[in-house]
């Protein structure tokens, strides 16, 4: 028996879900099993795709995953 080290992405697996909640739970379990750096890479990939869809160019020196500063009202003040 021979084993091969897989260096590329696996072939897609098709699954049938009975509802949206079941699909999201499976997706959550998937990302919980992956290393943190893979999740960050996936987010960066989505950001780049969003920029391309809008026709914007990403500047190479701009830090990624910036959060906007939003002031939310505090209900107990």
C-alpha atoms as a PDB file:
ATOM      1  CA  UNK A   1       0.000   0.000   0.000  1.00  0.00           C
ATOM      2  CA  UNK A   2       1.320   3.442  -0.973  1.00  0.00           C
ATOM      3  CA  UNK A   3       0.525   6.697   0.726  1.00  0.00           C
ATOM      4  CA  UNK A   4       0.974  10.027  -0.981  1.00  0.00           C
ATOM      5  CA  UNK A   5       1.424  13.364   0.698  1.00  0.00           C
ATOM      6  CA  UNK A   6      -1.279  15.630  -0.620  1.00  0.00           C
ATOM      7  CA  UNK A   7       0.151  19.061  -1.360  1.00  0.00           C
ATOM      8  CA  UNK A   8      -2.814  20.629  -3.128  1.00  0.00           C
ATOM      9  CA  UNK A   9      -6.393  21.279  -2.063  1.00  0.00           C
ATOM     10  CA  UNK A  10      -8.604  18.253  -1.868  1.00  0.00           C
ATOM     11  CA  UNK A  11     -11.371  17.609  -4.358  1.00  0.00           C
ATOM     12  CA  UNK A  12     -14.623  19.253  -3.287  1.00  0.00           C
ATOM     13  CA  UNK A  13     -17.047  17.127  -1.310  1.00  0.00           C
ATOM     14  CA  UNK A  14     -20.749  17.511  -1.999  1.00  0.00           C
ATOM     15  CA  UNK A  15     -23.041  17.357   1.013  1.00  0.00           C
ATOM     16  CA  UNK A  16     -26.798  17.669   1.281  1.00  0.00           C
ATOM     17  CA  UNK A  17     -28.189  19.609   4.240  1.00  0.00           C
ATOM     18  CA  UNK A  18     -31.719  19.658   5.585  1.00  0.00           C
ATOM     19  CA  UNK A  19     -31.537  23.298   6.580  1.00  0.00           C
ATOM     20  CA  UNK A  20     -29.446  26.421   6.841  1.00  0.00           C
ATOM     21  CA  UNK A  21     -28.676  25.860  10.539  1.00  0.00           C
ATOM     22  CA  UNK A  22     -27.260  22.405   9.811  1.00  0.00           C
ATOM     23  CA  UNK A  23     -25.079  23.810   7.038  1.00  0.00           C
ATOM     24  CA  UNK A  24     -23.748  26.630   9.242  1.00  0.00           C
ATOM     25  CA  UNK A  25     -23.033  24.185  12.098  1.00  0.00           C
ATOM     26  CA  UNK A  26     -20.996  21.999   9.721  1.00  0.00           C
ATOM     27  CA  UNK A  27     -19.127  25.046   8.454  1.00  0.00           C
ATOM     28  CA  UNK A  28     -18.391  26.131  12.035  1.00  0.00           C
ATOM     29  CA  UNK A  29     -17.057  22.669  12.915  1.00  0.00           C
ATOM     30  CA  UNK A  30     -14.855  22.753   9.805  1.00  0.00           C
ATOM     31  CA  UNK A  31     -13.234  26.082  10.717  1.00  0.00           C
ATOM     32  CA  UNK A  32     -12.787  25.006  14.345  1.00  0.00           C
ATOM     33  CA  UNK A  33     -10.646  22.080  13.141  1.00  0.00           C
ATOM     34  CA  UNK A  34      -8.431  24.280  10.946  1.00  0.00           C
ATOM     35  CA  UNK A  35      -5.381  26.182  12.231  1.00  0.00           C
ATOM     36  CA  UNK A  36      -5.924  29.881  12.939  1.00  0.00           C
ATOM     37  CA  UNK A  37      -3.590  31.003  10.141  1.00  0.00           C
ATOM     38  CA  UNK A  38      -5.806  29.249   7.564  1.00  0.00           C
ATOM     39  CA  UNK A  39      -8.837  31.214   8.736  1.00  0.00           C
ATOM     40  CA  UNK A  40      -6.906  34.476   8.511  1.00  0.00           C
ATOM     41  CA  UNK A  41      -5.690  33.541   5.018  1.00  0.00           C
ATOM     42  CA  UNK A  42      -9.288  32.818   3.986  1.00  0.00           C
ATOM     43  CA  UNK A  43     -10.447  36.209   5.286  1.00  0.00           C
ATOM     44  CA  UNK A  44      -7.660  37.975   3.404  1.00  0.00           C
ATOM     45  CA  UNK A  45      -8.626  36.097   0.250  1.00  0.00           C
ATOM     46  CA  UNK A  46     -12.243  37.256   0.629  1.00  0.00           C
ATOM     47  CA  UNK A  47     -11.125  40.851   1.177  1.00  0.00           C
ATOM     48  CA  UNK A  48      -9.013  40.716  -2.000  1.00  0.00           C
ATOM     49  CA  UNK A  49     -11.967  39.274  -3.945  1.00  0.00           C
ATOM     50  CA  UNK A  50     -14.238  42.047  -2.642  1.00  0.00           C
ATOM     51  CA  UNK A  51     -11.724  44.679  -3.738  1.00  0.00           C
ATOM     52  CA  UNK A  52     -11.563  43.120  -7.203  1.00  0.00           C
ATOM     53  CA  UNK A  53     -15.360  43.070  -7.501  1.00  0.00           C
ATOM     54  CA  UNK A  54     -15.500  46.775  -6.669  1.00  0.00           C
ATOM     55  CA  UNK A  55     -12.688  47.525  -9.111  1.00  0.00           C
ATOM     56  CA  UNK A  56     -10.412  48.827  -6.370  1.00  0.00           C
ATOM     57  CA  UNK A  57      -6.703  48.159  -6.089  1.00  0.00           C
ATOM     58  CA  UNK A  58      -5.185  47.070  -2.809  1.00  0.00           C
ATOM     59  CA  UNK A  59      -2.103  48.988  -1.828  1.00  0.00           C
ATOM     60  CA  UNK A  60       0.677  46.617  -0.725  1.00  0.00           C
ATOM     61  CA  UNK A  61       1.658  48.690   2.356  1.00  0.00           C
ATOM     62  CA  UNK A  62      -1.840  48.883   3.851  1.00  0.00           C
ATOM     63  CA  UNK A  63      -2.317  46.609   6.866  1.00  0.00           C
ATOM     64  CA  UNK A  64      -5.081  44.032   6.462  1.00  0.00           C
ATOM     65  CA  UNK A  65      -8.045  43.257   8.716  1.00  0.00           C
ATOM     66  CA  UNK A  66      -8.439  46.844   9.900  1.00  0.00           C
ATOM     67  CA  UNK A  67     -11.536  47.502  11.926  1.00  0.00           C
ATOM     68  CA  UNK A  68     -13.442  50.774  11.660  1.00  0.00           C
ATOM     69  CA  UNK A  69     -13.735  52.856  14.793  1.00  0.00           C
ATOM     70  CA  UNK A  70     -17.381  52.880  15.771  1.00  0.00           C
ATOM     71  CA  UNK A  71     -18.736  54.336  18.961  1.00  0.00           C
ATOM     72  CA  UNK A  72     -21.705  52.393  20.230  1.00  0.00           C
ATOM     73  CA  UNK A  73     -24.062  53.825  22.826  1.00  0.00           C
ATOM     74  CA  UNK A  74     -23.722  52.224  26.244  1.00  0.00           C
ATOM     75  CA  UNK A  75     -27.212  51.356  27.584  1.00  0.00           C
ATOM     76  CA  UNK A  76     -26.267  51.661  31.274  1.00  0.00           C
ATOM     77  CA  UNK A  77     -24.830  55.201  31.019  1.00  0.00           C
END
